């Protein structure tokens, strides 16, 4: 996979709506976001961090944080969900995803700030990730979570995911969703990026 240039990625943000109608932005993370992203993880409750990283962690190790904020490194992409509050951009959620070309699968993990859970942000982000999966040519996406993560399981179930036993770890459950999205049904930045790359390659 080609590592995308930051100046290209800056053009590709998606504006979604929370349940209350508030505008939320989903954009690729940038190196300048490193400190704010780390502060976001630190501010999560211990339970939310445990659920997100499948184990105890107070913050991202520096090497992992560096990987998170450089889009396309190791074929991984990180997006942040932001709100503008009193003129400041605040991170209220994030997701990390990767497309595995050998299997055609799209894997992701995500979190929402504890204070903003229940506002429909998770549902909007999950729908956006479906678009990003389709943009890569995937026909489905999946994630793994702890069996005790009731919030993520409820969100995935509400969003039409099916559940199965994790192939390697009994403490985890896998949720996945198959879909058949036509280009005009997935209006997100990732689709526009993929469409442009196909045009240039033609």
C-alpha atoms as a PDB file:
ATOM      1  CA  UNK A   1       0.000   0.000   0.000  1.00  0.00           C
ATOM      2  CA  UNK A   2       1.260   3.494  -0.816  1.00  0.00           C
ATOM      3  CA  UNK A   3       1.884   5.848   2.110  1.00  0.00           C
ATOM      4  CA  UNK A   4      -0.195   8.884   1.312  1.00  0.00           C
ATOM      5  CA  UNK A   5       1.283  12.373   1.439  1.00  0.00           C
ATOM      6  CA  UNK A   6       0.079  14.514   4.316  1.00  0.00           C
ATOM      7  CA  UNK A   7      -0.850  17.399   2.019  1.00  0.00           C
ATOM      8  CA  UNK A   8      -3.170  14.997   0.163  1.00  0.00           C
ATOM      9  CA  UNK A   9      -4.741  13.687   3.351  1.00  0.00           C
ATOM     10  CA  UNK A  10      -5.466  17.178   4.642  1.00  0.00           C
ATOM     11  CA  UNK A  11      -8.058  17.562   1.896  1.00  0.00           C
ATOM     12  CA  UNK A  12     -10.001  14.503   2.918  1.00  0.00           C
ATOM     13  CA  UNK A  13     -12.136  15.025   6.000  1.00  0.00           C
ATOM     14  CA  UNK A  14     -15.697  13.857   6.540  1.00  0.00           C
ATOM     15  CA  UNK A  15     -18.353  15.882   8.348  1.00  0.00           C
ATOM     16  CA  UNK A  16     -20.822  13.654  10.182  1.00  0.00           C
ATOM     17  CA  UNK A  17     -23.672  14.356  12.580  1.00  0.00           C
ATOM     18  CA  UNK A  18     -24.069  13.278  16.180  1.00  0.00           C
ATOM     19  CA  UNK A  19     -27.520  12.278  17.381  1.00  0.00           C
ATOM     20  CA  UNK A  20     -28.099  15.826  18.645  1.00  0.00           C
ATOM     21  CA  UNK A  21     -27.264  17.254  15.226  1.00  0.00           C
ATOM     22  CA  UNK A  22     -23.811  18.514  16.206  1.00  0.00           C
ATOM     23  CA  UNK A  23     -21.270  18.479  13.393  1.00  0.00           C
ATOM     24  CA  UNK A  24     -18.364  16.125  14.040  1.00  0.00           C
ATOM     25  CA  UNK A  25     -15.304  15.856  11.839  1.00  0.00           C
ATOM     26  CA  UNK A  26     -13.534  12.609  11.000  1.00  0.00           C
ATOM     27  CA  UNK A  27     -10.056  13.275   9.644  1.00  0.00           C
ATOM     28  CA  UNK A  28      -6.735  11.520   9.300  1.00  0.00           C
ATOM     29  CA  UNK A  29      -4.449  12.109  12.249  1.00  0.00           C
ATOM     30  CA  UNK A  30      -1.325  14.196  11.663  1.00  0.00           C
ATOM     31  CA  UNK A  31       2.039  14.194  13.462  1.00  0.00           C
ATOM     32  CA  UNK A  32       1.084  17.513  15.074  1.00  0.00           C
ATOM     33  CA  UNK A  33      -1.786  15.688  16.817  1.00  0.00           C
ATOM     34  CA  UNK A  34       0.528  13.383  18.779  1.00  0.00           C
ATOM     35  CA  UNK A  35       0.310  15.191  22.115  1.00  0.00           C
ATOM     36  CA  UNK A  36      -3.437  15.725  21.902  1.00  0.00           C
ATOM     37  CA  UNK A  37      -4.005  12.110  20.925  1.00  0.00           C
ATOM     38  CA  UNK A  38      -1.911  10.936  23.858  1.00  0.00           C
ATOM     39  CA  UNK A  39      -3.894  13.248  26.168  1.00  0.00           C
ATOM     40  CA  UNK A  40      -7.090  11.781  24.754  1.00  0.00           C
ATOM     41  CA  UNK A  41      -5.995   8.246  25.675  1.00  0.00           C
ATOM     42  CA  UNK A  42      -4.870   9.364  29.126  1.00  0.00           C
ATOM     43  CA  UNK A  43      -8.260  10.990  29.745  1.00  0.00           C
ATOM     44  CA  UNK A  44     -10.193   7.816  28.936  1.00  0.00           C
ATOM     45  CA  UNK A  45     -11.399   5.913  31.967  1.00  0.00           C
ATOM     46  CA  UNK A  46      -9.269   2.923  32.963  1.00  0.00           C
ATOM     47  CA  UNK A  47     -12.078   0.658  31.773  1.00  0.00           C
ATOM     48  CA  UNK A  48     -12.305   2.362  28.365  1.00  0.00           C
ATOM     49  CA  UNK A  49      -8.540   2.128  27.853  1.00  0.00           C
ATOM     50  CA  UNK A  50      -8.631  -1.527  28.878  1.00  0.00           C
ATOM     51  CA  UNK A  51     -11.420  -2.190  26.391  1.00  0.00           C
ATOM     52  CA  UNK A  52      -9.658  -0.284  23.608  1.00  0.00           C
ATOM     53  CA  UNK A  53      -6.260  -1.945  23.959  1.00  0.00           C
ATOM     54  CA  UNK A  54      -7.459  -5.301  25.336  1.00  0.00           C
ATOM     55  CA  UNK A  55      -5.345  -4.872  28.428  1.00  0.00           C
ATOM     56  CA  UNK A  56      -4.134  -2.443  31.077  1.00  0.00           C
ATOM     57  CA  UNK A  57      -2.424   0.634  29.636  1.00  0.00           C
ATOM     58  CA  UNK A  58      -2.235   4.181  30.998  1.00  0.00           C
ATOM     59  CA  UNK A  59      -1.044   5.702  27.717  1.00  0.00           C
ATOM     60  CA  UNK A  60       0.322   4.689  24.339  1.00  0.00           C
ATOM     61  CA  UNK A  61       4.005   3.700  24.363  1.00  0.00           C
ATOM     62  CA  UNK A  62       5.983   6.301  22.419  1.00  0.00           C
ATOM     63  CA  UNK A  63       6.853   3.923  19.576  1.00  0.00           C
ATOM     64  CA  UNK A  64       3.188   2.994  19.148  1.00  0.00           C
ATOM     65  CA  UNK A  65       2.062   6.625  19.307  1.00  0.00           C
ATOM     66  CA  UNK A  66       4.564   7.467  16.579  1.00  0.00           C
ATOM     67  CA  UNK A  67       3.143   4.684  14.433  1.00  0.00           C
ATOM     68  CA  UNK A  68      -0.407   5.888  15.045  1.00  0.00           C
ATOM     69  CA  UNK A  69       0.242   9.472  13.926  1.00  0.00           C
ATOM     70  CA  UNK A  70       2.022   8.581  10.675  1.00  0.00           C
ATOM     71  CA  UNK A  71      -0.740   7.594   8.289  1.00  0.00           C
ATOM     72  CA  UNK A  72      -0.009   4.598   6.109  1.00  0.00           C
ATOM     73  CA  UNK A  73       2.840   3.251   8.268  1.00  0.00           C
ATOM     74  CA  UNK A  74       2.638  -0.560   8.347  1.00  0.00           C
ATOM     75  CA  UNK A  75      -0.455  -0.200   6.136  1.00  0.00           C
ATOM     76  CA  UNK A  76      -2.325   1.257   9.118  1.00  0.00           C
ATOM     77  CA  UNK A  77      -4.469   4.388   9.200  1.00  0.00           C
ATOM     78  CA  UNK A  78      -5.637   6.408  12.185  1.00  0.00           C
ATOM     79  CA  UNK A  79      -8.541   8.841  12.116  1.00  0.00           C
ATOM     80  CA  UNK A  80      -9.689  11.112  14.893  1.00  0.00           C
ATOM     81  CA  UNK A  81     -13.190  12.381  15.576  1.00  0.00           C
ATOM     82  CA  UNK A  82     -13.249  16.031  16.601  1.00  0.00           C
ATOM     83  CA  UNK A  83     -15.736  18.621  17.806  1.00  0.00           C
ATOM     84  CA  UNK A  84     -15.217  22.360  17.878  1.00  0.00           C
ATOM     85  CA  UNK A  85     -15.928  23.626  21.388  1.00  0.00           C
ATOM     86  CA  UNK A  86     -15.442  27.318  22.225  1.00  0.00           C
ATOM     87  CA  UNK A  87     -13.240  27.694  19.167  1.00  0.00           C
ATOM     88  CA  UNK A  88     -10.992  24.735  20.001  1.00  0.00           C
ATOM     89  CA  UNK A  89     -10.804  21.410  18.186  1.00  0.00           C
ATOM     90  CA  UNK A  90     -11.361  18.639  20.736  1.00  0.00           C
ATOM     91  CA  UNK A  91     -10.732  14.939  20.086  1.00  0.00           C
ATOM     92  CA  UNK A  92     -13.800  12.934  21.141  1.00  0.00           C
ATOM     93  CA  UNK A  93     -13.031   9.637  19.423  1.00  0.00           C
ATOM     94  CA  UNK A  94     -10.565   7.733  17.280  1.00  0.00           C
ATOM     95  CA  UNK A  95     -10.225   4.651  15.134  1.00  0.00           C
ATOM     96  CA  UNK A  96      -7.310   2.669  13.749  1.00  0.00           C
ATOM     97  CA  UNK A  97      -7.818   0.474  10.712  1.00  0.00           C
ATOM     98  CA  UNK A  98      -5.943  -1.594   8.174  1.00  0.00           C
ATOM     99  CA  UNK A  99      -6.827  -3.260   4.907  1.00  0.00           C
ATOM    100  CA  UNK A 100      -5.354  -6.748   4.458  1.00  0.00           C
ATOM    101  CA  UNK A 101      -5.099  -7.116   0.702  1.00  0.00           C
ATOM    102  CA  UNK A 102      -4.162 -10.799   0.879  1.00  0.00           C
ATOM    103  CA  UNK A 103      -7.516 -11.677   2.446  1.00  0.00           C
ATOM    104  CA  UNK A 104      -9.552  -8.680   1.313  1.00  0.00           C
ATOM    105  CA  UNK A 105     -10.424  -7.987   4.942  1.00  0.00           C
ATOM    106  CA  UNK A 106     -10.702  -4.646   6.716  1.00  0.00           C
ATOM    107  CA  UNK A 107      -9.816  -4.690  10.430  1.00  0.00           C
ATOM    108  CA  UNK A 108     -10.464  -1.888  12.879  1.00  0.00           C
ATOM    109  CA  UNK A 109     -10.521  -0.798  16.510  1.00  0.00           C
ATOM    110  CA  UNK A 110     -12.115   2.361  17.921  1.00  0.00           C
ATOM    111  CA  UNK A 111     -12.935   4.321  21.038  1.00  0.00           C
ATOM    112  CA  UNK A 112     -15.143   7.234  22.079  1.00  0.00           C
ATOM    113  CA  UNK A 113     -14.408   9.651  24.923  1.00  0.00           C
ATOM    114  CA  UNK A 114     -16.381   8.535  28.006  1.00  0.00           C
ATOM    115  CA  UNK A 115     -18.029  11.955  28.271  1.00  0.00           C
ATOM    116  CA  UNK A 116     -19.334  11.702  24.702  1.00  0.00           C
ATOM    117  CA  UNK A 117     -20.584   8.146  24.704  1.00  0.00           C
ATOM    118  CA  UNK A 118     -24.319   7.873  24.103  1.00  0.00           C
ATOM    119  CA  UNK A 119     -24.391  10.817  21.664  1.00  0.00           C
ATOM    120  CA  UNK A 120     -24.468   8.717  18.493  1.00  0.00           C
ATOM    121  CA  UNK A 121     -20.810   9.427  17.681  1.00  0.00           C
ATOM    122  CA  UNK A 122     -19.856   5.752  17.792  1.00  0.00           C
ATOM    123  CA  UNK A 123     -22.639   4.828  15.351  1.00  0.00           C
ATOM    124  CA  UNK A 124     -21.630   7.611  12.961  1.00  0.00           C
ATOM    125  CA  UNK A 125     -17.968   6.601  13.122  1.00  0.00           C
ATOM    126  CA  UNK A 126     -18.798   2.948  12.525  1.00  0.00           C
ATOM    127  CA  UNK A 127     -20.821   3.844   9.427  1.00  0.00           C
ATOM    128  CA  UNK A 128     -17.909   5.946   8.208  1.00  0.00           C
ATOM    129  CA  UNK A 129     -15.562   2.991   8.666  1.00  0.00           C
ATOM    130  CA  UNK A 130     -17.857   0.908   6.446  1.00  0.00           C
ATOM    131  CA  UNK A 131     -17.334   3.511   3.747  1.00  0.00           C
ATOM    132  CA  UNK A 132     -13.572   3.394   4.230  1.00  0.00           C
ATOM    133  CA  UNK A 133     -13.643  -0.394   3.966  1.00  0.00           C
ATOM    134  CA  UNK A 134     -15.602  -0.229   0.708  1.00  0.00           C
ATOM    135  CA  UNK A 135     -13.153   2.343  -0.633  1.00  0.00           C
ATOM    136  CA  UNK A 136     -10.368  -0.218  -0.305  1.00  0.00           C
ATOM    137  CA  UNK A 137     -12.468  -2.763  -2.160  1.00  0.00           C
ATOM    138  CA  UNK A 138     -13.363  -4.829   0.901  1.00  0.00           C
ATOM    139  CA  UNK A 139     -16.750  -6.480   1.072  1.00  0.00           C
ATOM    140  CA  UNK A 140     -16.819  -6.522   4.853  1.00  0.00           C
ATOM    141  CA  UNK A 141     -15.074  -5.447   8.002  1.00  0.00           C
ATOM    142  CA  UNK A 142     -14.350  -6.889  11.411  1.00  0.00           C
ATOM    143  CA  UNK A 143     -13.083  -6.061  14.860  1.00  0.00           C
ATOM    144  CA  UNK A 144     -12.261  -7.877  18.070  1.00  0.00           C
ATOM    145  CA  UNK A 145     -13.332  -6.875  21.550  1.00  0.00           C
ATOM    146  CA  UNK A 146     -13.401  -8.252  25.053  1.00  0.00           C
ATOM    147  CA  UNK A 147     -16.448 -10.332  25.933  1.00  0.00           C
ATOM    148  CA  UNK A 148     -16.962  -7.944  28.852  1.00  0.00           C
ATOM    149  CA  UNK A 149     -17.110  -4.847  26.608  1.00  0.00           C
ATOM    150  CA  UNK A 150     -20.875  -4.473  26.674  1.00  0.00           C
ATOM    151  CA  UNK A 151     -20.853  -1.011  25.069  1.00  0.00           C
ATOM    152  CA  UNK A 152     -18.932  -2.080  21.946  1.00  0.00           C
ATOM    153  CA  UNK A 153     -20.911  -5.283  21.622  1.00  0.00           C
ATOM    154  CA  UNK A 154     -24.191  -3.359  21.843  1.00  0.00           C
ATOM    155  CA  UNK A 155     -22.997  -0.818  19.264  1.00  0.00           C
ATOM    156  CA  UNK A 156     -21.862  -3.524  16.846  1.00  0.00           C
ATOM    157  CA  UNK A 157     -25.102  -5.455  17.257  1.00  0.00           C
ATOM    158  CA  UNK A 158     -27.167  -2.303  16.642  1.00  0.00           C
ATOM    159  CA  UNK A 159     -25.078  -1.626  13.521  1.00  0.00           C
ATOM    160  CA  UNK A 160     -25.846  -5.049  12.025  1.00  0.00           C
ATOM    161  CA  UNK A 161     -22.668  -6.954  12.865  1.00  0.00           C
ATOM    162  CA  UNK A 162     -22.690 -10.678  13.518  1.00  0.00           C
ATOM    163  CA  UNK A 163     -20.628 -12.325  16.243  1.00  0.00           C
ATOM    164  CA  UNK A 164     -18.367 -15.338  16.397  1.00  0.00           C
ATOM    165  CA  UNK A 165     -15.785 -16.854  18.688  1.00  0.00           C
ATOM    166  CA  UNK A 166     -12.333 -15.341  18.320  1.00  0.00           C
ATOM    167  CA  UNK A 167     -10.024 -17.871  16.617  1.00  0.00           C
ATOM    168  CA  UNK A 168      -7.125 -17.398  19.045  1.00  0.00           C
ATOM    169  CA  UNK A 169      -8.324 -15.940  22.357  1.00  0.00           C
ATOM    170  CA  UNK A 170     -11.323 -17.095  24.398  1.00  0.00           C
ATOM    171  CA  UNK A 171     -11.510 -13.704  26.179  1.00  0.00           C
ATOM    172  CA  UNK A 172     -12.344 -11.977  22.897  1.00  0.00           C
ATOM    173  CA  UNK A 173     -15.320 -11.982  20.592  1.00  0.00           C
ATOM    174  CA  UNK A 174     -15.125 -11.123  16.890  1.00  0.00           C
ATOM    175  CA  UNK A 175     -17.796  -8.998  15.243  1.00  0.00           C
ATOM    176  CA  UNK A 176     -18.011  -8.707  11.478  1.00  0.00           C
ATOM    177  CA  UNK A 177     -20.260  -7.347   8.807  1.00  0.00           C
ATOM    178  CA  UNK A 178     -20.539  -8.087   5.119  1.00  0.00           C
ATOM    179  CA  UNK A 179     -21.900  -5.445   2.772  1.00  0.00           C
ATOM    180  CA  UNK A 180     -22.305  -4.619  -0.873  1.00  0.00           C
ATOM    181  CA  UNK A 181     -21.911  -0.856  -1.249  1.00  0.00           C
ATOM    182  CA  UNK A 182     -22.069   0.874  -4.599  1.00  0.00           C
ATOM    183  CA  UNK A 183     -19.809   3.925  -5.103  1.00  0.00           C
ATOM    184  CA  UNK A 184     -22.689   6.381  -4.903  1.00  0.00           C
ATOM    185  CA  UNK A 185     -23.766   4.862  -1.589  1.00  0.00           C
ATOM    186  CA  UNK A 186     -20.528   5.604   0.236  1.00  0.00           C
ATOM    187  CA  UNK A 187     -19.916   9.358   0.313  1.00  0.00           C
ATOM    188  CA  UNK A 188     -16.710   9.587   2.321  1.00  0.00           C
ATOM    189  CA  UNK A 189     -13.214  10.916   1.809  1.00  0.00           C
ATOM    190  CA  UNK A 190     -11.644   7.490   1.501  1.00  0.00           C
ATOM    191  CA  UNK A 191     -13.813   6.671  -1.487  1.00  0.00           C
ATOM    192  CA  UNK A 192     -12.762   9.897  -3.195  1.00  0.00           C
ATOM    193  CA  UNK A 193      -9.094   9.075  -2.547  1.00  0.00           C
ATOM    194  CA  UNK A 194      -9.472   5.566  -3.943  1.00  0.00           C
ATOM    195  CA  UNK A 195     -11.440   6.803  -6.959  1.00  0.00           C
ATOM    196  CA  UNK A 196      -8.755   9.370  -7.748  1.00  0.00           C
ATOM    197  CA  UNK A 197      -5.992   6.787  -7.499  1.00  0.00           C
ATOM    198  CA  UNK A 198      -7.858   4.496  -9.893  1.00  0.00           C
ATOM    199  CA  UNK A 199      -8.325   7.410 -12.314  1.00  0.00           C
ATOM    200  CA  UNK A 200      -4.616   8.235 -12.246  1.00  0.00           C
ATOM    201  CA  UNK A 201      -3.678   4.586 -12.742  1.00  0.00           C
ATOM    202  CA  UNK A 202      -5.958   4.216 -15.781  1.00  0.00           C
END
